[in-house]
Amino acid sequence: MTDNIDSNSSVRIAALCGSLRPTSHTRQALQLALSGAAEIGAETHLIDLRNYQLVFCDGSDDEKNFPADVFRLRADISQAHGVILGTPEYHGGMSGVLKNALDLMGFDEFSGKMVGLIGVSGGQMGAINALNSLRVIGRSLHAWVIPEQVLIPQAWKIFNNDGTMKDEKIASRLQEMGRQVARFAYLHHSKQALEFLQLWESAPENPGGD
């Protein structure tokens, strides 16, 4: 797996923040993950749902009255090769704002994308239930959810006021999460990887086989 991304085949990694709090630990964690992706050459974009005026998803096919930000959100995710989803855990699940944002999207935005997961919790469990639900949603949307995920328990103890982290191990894992999403996204869409797969599929059968 390449350590750095070829600048001629750079990938775009978006982070979708499922918290609306002005001083959100989820947002701070996502920024650290994006810094890891940027270190190896990926373009990065933080999608802050505070800046989007969305509607509640009601299952309707009539979208003529949807606000423009619904389509802007879809475009921002569609343009990314990899997505990092971050959520606080509320009552054993993901935030309502993140679930609603995901419900307003679908296969067009997520199918085939690399997805990483970050969960933030005020308690000791570290949002494991929220991330289990997000992993199921990722599979339902035909995304590739990477095995590595980052759980941050008792976040109020972990972050400094300036957004840096007191726990260097968690900070390192967040940055590595960003690197992994970027690397896998690069391998998934790069011209070199696609050419290799085409050659592999067209190769003759092993003449030494039975």
Protein backbone atom coordinates (compact mmCIF):
# COMPACT_ATOMS: atom_id res chain seq x y z
CA MET A 1 0.00 0.00 0.00
CA THR A 2 1.44 3.38 -0.99
CA ASP A 3 2.57 5.75 1.78
CA ASN A 4 1.88 8.86 -0.27
CA ILE A 5 -0.71 9.59 -2.89
CA ASP A 6 0.43 10.50 -6.40
CA SER A 7 -0.42 14.17 -6.91
CA ASN A 8 -1.66 13.34 -10.39
CA SER A 9 -4.22 10.90 -8.95
CA SER A 10 -5.13 12.66 -5.69
CA VAL A 11 -8.25 11.66 -3.81
CA ARG A 12 -10.78 13.78 -1.99
CA ILE A 13 -11.69 12.84 1.57
CA ALA A 14 -14.70 14.42 3.26
CA ALA A 15 -15.56 14.28 6.96
CA LEU A 16 -19.23 14.55 7.90
CA CYS A 17 -19.70 15.95 11.40
CA GLY A 18 -22.77 14.67 13.23
CA SER A 19 -22.61 17.28 15.98
CA LEU A 20 -24.01 20.82 15.99
CA ARG A 21 -22.28 21.95 19.19
CA PRO A 22 -20.09 25.05 18.65
CA THR A 23 -17.27 23.42 20.67
CA SER A 24 -17.80 19.91 19.37
CA HIS A 25 -15.30 17.21 20.29
CA THR A 26 -16.60 15.23 17.31
CA ARG A 27 -15.61 18.06 14.99
CA GLN A 28 -12.18 18.27 16.61
CA ALA A 29 -11.67 14.53 16.18
CA LEU A 30 -12.64 14.71 12.51
CA GLN A 31 -10.21 17.56 11.92
CA LEU A 32 -7.40 15.42 13.30
CA ALA A 33 -8.42 12.53 11.04
CA LEU A 34 -8.45 14.85 8.03
CA SER A 35 -4.98 16.09 8.93
CA GLY A 36 -3.76 12.51 8.59
CA ALA A 37 -5.32 12.21 5.14
CA ALA A 38 -3.81 15.55 4.10
CA GLU A 39 -0.34 14.45 5.24
CA ILE A 40 -0.21 11.84 2.49
CA GLY A 41 -1.54 14.13 -0.23
CA ALA A 42 -5.33 13.85 -0.13
CA GLU A 43 -7.60 16.82 -0.60
CA THR A 44 -9.77 17.21 2.49
CA HIS A 45 -13.08 18.84 3.29
CA LEU A 46 -14.94 19.10 6.60
CA ILE A 47 -18.70 19.05 6.12
CA ASP A 48 -20.13 20.90 9.09
CA LEU A 49 -23.89 20.38 9.25
CA ARG A 50 -24.25 23.66 11.15
CA ASN A 51 -23.73 25.31 7.76
CA TYR A 52 -26.48 23.37 5.96
CA GLN A 53 -30.19 24.13 6.13
CA LEU A 54 -31.73 20.69 5.73
CA VAL A 55 -35.25 19.30 6.01
CA PHE A 56 -36.38 16.22 7.88
CA CYS A 57 -36.44 13.20 5.59
CA ASP A 58 -40.07 12.11 5.18
CA GLY A 59 -39.61 9.46 2.49
CA SER A 60 -41.24 11.60 -0.18
CA ASP A 61 -40.08 11.40 -3.80
CA ASP A 62 -41.17 15.01 -4.37
CA GLU A 63 -38.03 17.09 -3.86
CA LYS A 64 -39.08 20.28 -5.62
CA ASN A 65 -39.43 22.14 -2.32
CA PHE A 66 -36.20 20.86 -0.81
CA PRO A 67 -33.78 23.61 0.22
CA ALA A 68 -30.69 24.01 -1.94
CA ASP A 69 -28.47 22.77 0.88
CA VAL A 70 -29.84 19.23 0.52
CA PHE A 71 -28.43 19.12 -2.99
CA ARG A 72 -25.23 20.86 -1.87
CA LEU A 73 -24.71 18.17 0.78
CA ARG A 74 -25.28 15.42 -1.77
CA ALA A 75 -22.81 17.05 -4.15
CA ASP A 76 -20.17 17.46 -1.44
CA ILE A 77 -20.36 13.77 -0.56
CA SER A 78 -20.58 12.67 -4.20
CA GLN A 79 -17.34 14.49 -5.04
CA ALA A 80 -15.44 12.66 -2.30
CA HIS A 81 -13.68 9.34 -2.85
CA GLY A 82 -13.74 8.58 0.87
CA VAL A 83 -15.93 9.75 3.76
CA ILE A 84 -15.26 9.82 7.49
CA LEU A 85 -18.42 9.84 9.58
CA GLY A 86 -18.20 11.26 13.07
CA THR A 87 -20.92 11.23 15.71
CA PRO A 88 -21.48 11.77 19.39
CA GLU A 89 -23.48 9.02 21.04
CA TYR A 90 -26.91 10.06 22.27
CA HIS A 91 -28.99 7.50 24.21
CA GLY A 92 -27.03 4.60 22.75
CA GLY A 93 -27.19 5.73 19.12
CA MET A 94 -25.86 8.20 16.60
CA SER A 95 -26.99 11.82 16.62
CA GLY A 96 -30.32 12.63 15.00
CA VAL A 97 -28.77 15.26 12.75
CA LEU A 98 -26.35 12.73 11.26
CA LYS A 99 -29.03 10.09 10.76
CA ASN A 100 -31.25 12.62 9.02
CA ALA A 101 -28.40 13.76 6.77
CA LEU A 102 -27.71 10.14 5.81
CA ASP A 103 -31.41 9.53 5.17
CA LEU A 104 -31.41 12.43 2.71
CA MET A 105 -28.72 10.63 0.70
CA GLY A 106 -28.31 7.14 -0.72
CA PHE A 107 -26.44 4.87 -3.12
CA ASP A 108 -25.52 7.72 -5.47
CA GLU A 109 -23.49 9.38 -2.75
CA PHE A 110 -22.00 6.36 -0.94
CA SER A 111 -21.87 3.27 -3.14
CA GLY A 112 -18.28 2.12 -3.61
CA LYS A 113 -16.86 4.78 -1.27
CA MET A 114 -14.37 4.10 1.50
CA VAL A 115 -15.86 5.05 4.87
CA GLY A 116 -14.21 5.50 8.25
CA LEU A 117 -16.03 5.84 11.57
CA ILE A 118 -15.38 7.96 14.66
CA GLY A 119 -17.54 7.91 17.78
CA VAL A 120 -17.36 10.34 20.69
CA SER A 121 -18.93 9.77 24.08
CA GLY A 122 -19.15 11.47 27.44
CA GLY A 123 -19.33 8.06 29.10
CA GLN A 124 -16.92 5.16 29.31
CA MET A 125 -18.30 3.04 26.44
CA GLY A 126 -17.03 5.35 23.70
CA ALA A 127 -20.02 5.32 21.33
CA ILE A 128 -19.68 1.66 20.34
CA ASN A 129 -23.43 1.29 19.76
CA ALA A 130 -23.54 4.36 17.52
CA LEU A 131 -20.66 3.04 15.41
CA ASN A 132 -22.19 -0.41 15.13
CA SER A 133 -25.30 1.24 13.66
CA LEU A 134 -23.21 3.35 11.28
CA ARG A 135 -21.33 0.25 10.10
CA VAL A 136 -24.66 -1.41 9.22
CA ILE A 137 -25.79 1.75 7.40
CA GLY A 138 -22.53 1.83 5.45
CA ARG A 139 -23.03 -1.75 4.29
CA SER A 140 -26.65 -0.97 3.38
CA LEU A 141 -25.42 1.87 1.17
CA HIS A 142 -22.85 -0.46 -0.49
CA ALA A 143 -19.94 1.48 0.93
CA TRP A 144 -16.65 -0.10 2.03
CA VAL A 145 -16.46 0.56 5.78
CA ILE A 146 -12.85 0.04 6.82
CA PRO A 147 -12.23 -2.28 9.80
CA GLU A 148 -10.42 0.34 11.86
CA GLN A 149 -12.63 2.71 13.86
CA VAL A 150 -11.87 5.19 16.61
CA LEU A 151 -13.86 5.35 19.84
CA ILE A 152 -13.29 8.29 22.18
CA PRO A 153 -14.77 7.70 25.66
CA GLN A 154 -15.09 10.51 28.21
CA ALA A 155 -14.15 13.05 25.58
CA TRP A 156 -14.27 15.89 28.09
CA LYS A 157 -11.10 14.40 29.62
CA ILE A 158 -9.35 13.85 26.28
CA PHE A 159 -9.41 17.24 24.55
CA ASN A 160 -7.69 20.49 25.43
CA ASN A 161 -9.55 23.77 24.96
CA ASP A 162 -7.66 24.49 21.74
CA GLY A 163 -8.81 21.21 20.13
CA THR A 164 -5.57 19.33 20.64
CA MET A 165 -5.64 16.02 22.48
CA LYS A 166 -4.16 15.05 25.80
CA ASP A 167 -4.09 11.38 24.76
CA GLU A 168 -1.41 11.01 22.10
CA LYS A 169 -2.42 7.42 21.32
CA ILE A 170 -5.96 8.42 20.37
CA ALA A 171 -4.67 11.39 18.38
CA SER A 172 -2.35 9.06 16.47
CA ARG A 173 -5.20 6.62 15.80
CA LEU A 174 -7.38 9.43 14.45
CA GLN A 175 -4.67 10.53 12.04
CA GLU A 176 -4.02 6.94 10.98
CA MET A 177 -7.74 6.55 10.34
CA GLY A 178 -7.55 9.46 7.91
CA ARG A 179 -4.52 7.95 6.22
CA GLN A 180 -6.21 4.57 5.83
CA VAL A 181 -9.36 6.00 4.28
CA ALA A 182 -7.23 8.03 1.86
CA ARG A 183 -4.98 5.09 0.94
CA PHE A 184 -7.83 2.69 0.34
CA ALA A 185 -9.74 5.32 -1.64
CA TYR A 186 -6.64 5.91 -3.78
CA LEU A 187 -6.20 2.21 -4.48
CA HIS A 188 -9.89 1.87 -5.26
CA HIS A 189 -10.06 4.59 -7.88
CA SER A 190 -6.51 5.16 -9.18
CA LYS A 191 -5.77 4.53 -12.83
CA GLN A 192 -2.88 2.23 -11.96
CA ALA A 193 -5.05 0.05 -9.73
CA LEU A 194 -7.82 -0.17 -12.32
CA GLU A 195 -5.33 -1.09 -15.05
CA PHE A 196 -3.89 -3.82 -12.81
CA LEU A 197 -7.36 -5.26 -12.17
CA GLN A 198 -8.14 -5.25 -15.89
CA LEU A 199 -4.89 -7.08 -16.64
CA TRP A 200 -5.57 -9.54 -13.83
CA GLU A 201 -9.07 -10.30 -15.12
CA SER A 202 -7.82 -10.77 -18.70
CA ALA A 203 -4.81 -12.92 -17.78
CA PRO A 204 -4.80 -16.51 -19.14
CA GLU A 205 -5.38 -19.35 -16.73
CA ASN A 206 -2.35 -20.79 -14.97
CA PRO A 207 -0.94 -23.32 -17.46
CA GLY A 208 0.46 -25.34 -14.56
CA GLY A 209 -2.93 -25.83 -13.02
CA ASP A 210 -4.95 -29.05 -13.08
